[in-house]
Amino acid sequence: MHRFLHEQSVSYRGKLIIPFIFGKADFQTIYSYALLAEQGHTSELHKAENPAELYSSNIEEIIDIAKRHLDERAEKGSERIFLSVILLIKTISSLFIKRQENVSMTTILPTN
């Protein structure tokens, strides 16, 4: 069982970064981190243990590693959302154009 260092925890981008002692090597403490998400179980990072897969012998450095990893994920997520919106707009546009091609002028203009 890992010894979580709750007193060193940092909140960042809706996640709680909790460092813990991963192990010891050559009489040096090796730190890792775990995440708790504000969104709870709906977040894929909730209860994730070291998703960056990097370790450090310094608590501040492991916190920085976690922050950088969360920043990178946020940037990639924004790109994915942007591309999804573009694809959605293109799909709606093509459907609208196809629908307009099938509508005759007599159905658009009122008859008197």
Protein backbone atom coordinates (compact mmCIF):
# COMPACT_ATOMS: atom_id res chain seq x y z
CA MET A 1 0.00 0.00 0.00
CA HIS A 2 1.28 3.44 -0.91
CA ARG A 3 1.74 6.15 1.66
CA PHE A 4 -0.24 9.09 0.29
CA LEU A 5 1.08 12.49 1.30
CA HIS A 6 -2.26 14.28 1.62
CA GLU A 7 -0.66 17.34 3.21
CA GLN A 8 1.29 17.90 -0.05
CA SER A 9 -1.80 17.57 -2.29
CA VAL A 10 -2.47 20.25 -4.91
CA SER A 11 -5.70 21.07 -6.74
CA TYR A 12 -5.20 21.72 -10.47
CA ARG A 13 -7.63 21.78 -13.44
CA GLY A 14 -10.40 20.12 -11.48
CA LYS A 15 -8.12 17.34 -10.26
CA LEU A 16 -6.50 16.74 -6.91
CA ILE A 17 -2.87 15.71 -7.35
CA ILE A 18 -1.82 13.53 -4.42
CA PRO A 19 1.87 12.63 -4.26
CA PHE A 20 2.91 9.40 -2.63
CA ILE A 21 6.06 7.44 -1.88
CA PHE A 22 6.42 4.91 -4.68
CA GLY A 23 9.52 3.27 -3.30
CA LYS A 24 13.17 3.70 -2.43
CA ALA A 25 16.26 3.25 -4.56
CA ASP A 26 19.84 3.81 -3.39
CA PHE A 27 18.49 5.31 -0.16
CA GLN A 28 16.50 7.90 -2.14
CA THR A 29 12.75 8.20 -1.96
CA ILE A 30 10.97 7.87 -5.31
CA TYR A 31 7.68 9.78 -5.60
CA SER A 32 4.69 9.19 -7.82
CA TYR A 33 1.21 10.67 -7.79
CA ALA A 34 -2.46 9.79 -7.95
CA LEU A 35 -5.35 11.89 -9.20
CA LEU A 36 -8.86 12.40 -7.92
CA ALA A 37 -11.22 14.14 -10.33
CA GLU A 38 -13.74 16.76 -9.31
CA GLN A 39 -16.23 15.06 -11.66
CA GLY A 40 -15.80 11.78 -9.81
CA HIS A 41 -16.20 8.44 -11.55
CA THR A 42 -17.32 10.08 -14.83
CA SER A 43 -13.75 11.26 -15.47
CA GLU A 44 -11.31 8.79 -16.97
CA LEU A 45 -8.59 10.25 -14.73
CA HIS A 46 -10.50 9.70 -11.48
CA LYS A 47 -8.36 7.52 -9.22
CA ALA A 48 -5.68 7.35 -11.92
CA GLU A 49 -2.24 6.49 -10.67
CA ASN A 50 0.58 8.30 -12.46
CA PRO A 51 -0.92 8.53 -15.97
CA ALA A 52 2.24 10.36 -17.14
CA GLU A 53 4.28 7.29 -16.10
CA LEU A 54 7.10 9.49 -14.79
CA TYR A 55 8.66 9.47 -11.33
CA SER A 56 10.84 11.83 -9.33
CA SER A 57 12.93 12.00 -6.19
CA ASN A 58 11.41 15.40 -5.42
CA ILE A 59 7.79 16.11 -4.39
CA GLU A 60 7.62 19.52 -6.12
CA GLU A 61 8.92 17.98 -9.32
CA ILE A 62 6.33 15.17 -9.31
CA ILE A 63 3.61 17.80 -8.84
CA ASP A 64 5.01 19.73 -11.84
CA ILE A 65 5.06 16.52 -13.90
CA ALA A 66 1.39 15.94 -13.06
CA LYS A 67 0.48 19.54 -13.96
CA ARG A 68 2.30 19.37 -17.31
CA HIS A 69 0.55 16.10 -18.11
CA LEU A 70 -2.86 17.59 -17.31
CA ASP A 71 -2.04 20.65 -19.45
CA GLU A 72 -1.07 18.42 -22.40
CA ARG A 73 -4.27 16.39 -22.07
CA ALA A 74 -6.35 19.57 -21.93
CA GLU A 75 -4.71 20.90 -25.11
CA LYS A 76 -5.29 17.60 -26.94
CA GLY A 77 -8.88 17.51 -25.69
CA SER A 78 -9.50 21.04 -27.01
CA GLU A 79 -8.12 20.05 -30.42
CA ARG A 80 -10.41 17.00 -30.49
CA ILE A 81 -13.45 19.09 -29.57
CA PHE A 82 -12.58 21.68 -32.25
CA LEU A 83 -12.21 18.99 -34.92
CA SER A 84 -15.47 17.36 -33.84
CA VAL A 85 -17.31 20.69 -34.13
CA ILE A 86 -15.87 21.26 -37.63
CA LEU A 87 -16.97 17.77 -38.70
CA LEU A 88 -20.45 18.35 -37.26
CA ILE A 89 -20.78 21.68 -39.10
CA LYS A 90 -19.69 20.08 -42.38
CA THR A 91 -22.17 17.23 -41.94
CA ILE A 92 -25.07 19.57 -41.14
CA SER A 93 -24.15 21.80 -44.09
CA SER A 94 -24.09 18.89 -46.52
CA LEU A 95 -27.45 17.63 -45.22
CA PHE A 96 -28.95 21.10 -45.58
CA ILE A 97 -27.64 21.47 -49.13
CA LYS A 98 -28.99 18.04 -50.11
CA ARG A 99 -32.36 18.91 -48.60
CA GLN A 100 -32.45 22.22 -50.51
CA GLU A 101 -31.74 20.38 -53.77
CA ASN A 102 -34.83 18.24 -53.22
CA VAL A 103 -37.17 21.17 -52.50
CA SER A 104 -38.88 22.69 -55.51
CA MET A 105 -39.61 26.39 -55.87
CA THR A 106 -43.38 25.77 -55.67
CA THR A 107 -43.04 24.45 -52.11
CA ILE A 108 -41.02 27.49 -51.05
CA LEU A 109 -43.13 30.24 -52.63
CA PRO A 110 -46.72 30.69 -51.46
CA THR A 111 -49.39 30.38 -54.14
CA ASN A 112 -52.28 32.88 -54.38
